[in-house]
Amino acid sequence: MLTLEEMEARLLVPGAPPERWLAWKRHFEHGAPAELVLLAREVELDAKRVLDVGCGYGTHLLHFAPSSVGIDRLADHVAFARSIGLRSEVRDVDTLGWNLGLGDFDLVWIANLLGEIEDPSALLASLPTVLAPKGRIVLFERVWPENPRTARGEKKRKTDAEPPHVLAPHRPDPVRRAADVERRRGDPDRASERPAPRRNGGRRERA
């Protein structure tokens, strides 16, 4: 896996505004969860060609070998992954033929995706078509209780019981802030849309 210094070198995109760089840097520093460390103990990630299905912004893909490929249905995810030098393609695994032309991989990595797609069974059945001989499939999914009344309490207990993250707990807020920075670039008037600061115990001051 990459060190903080190596991640910083990869994420420092020339010409990007400082706000964008800092927001994305925080996301990738907090986005290397313990499951990736556990995977690295079992598999030599630097020596394996990995297919990251549902790669997002490349949080995991960044730590795989350079020959690895990520796929995601969202173009903005893929665009960012490419901007930091990762190999990523827009592909929807719910679409027939998503696996055509990708080649063979030593390992297929799928993290927190099966609950987001229409037909997980069809995806799993198609994975052997992209595996090299003796290739492996690694799935990581969080499972929450079905009863919504107990979901909040169970989720908190499960979160507390999870193994510690590599660098810090994963927080998605920097990602949303980074997206806001991207949307506001070149449009200073957008700054006026931010909520006015609250004073006097949370009440807005009258004009």
Foldseek 3Di string as FASTA:
>chain_A
DDDLVVVLVLQPQPPDDPLLSVLVSVQLLQLQFPVLVVVVVVDVQQPWAEEEEQCFLPSPVVPGHQNHEYEHQDPVSQVNNVSSPHHYDHFDLQDPPSPPPPAATQEYEYEAPCVPDDDSPSSVVPVVVRHDVNHYYDYHHDDADPDPVCRVVRVVVVVVVDPATPRHHRDCVSVVVSVVVVVCPPPVVVVVVDDDDADDVRHRDDD
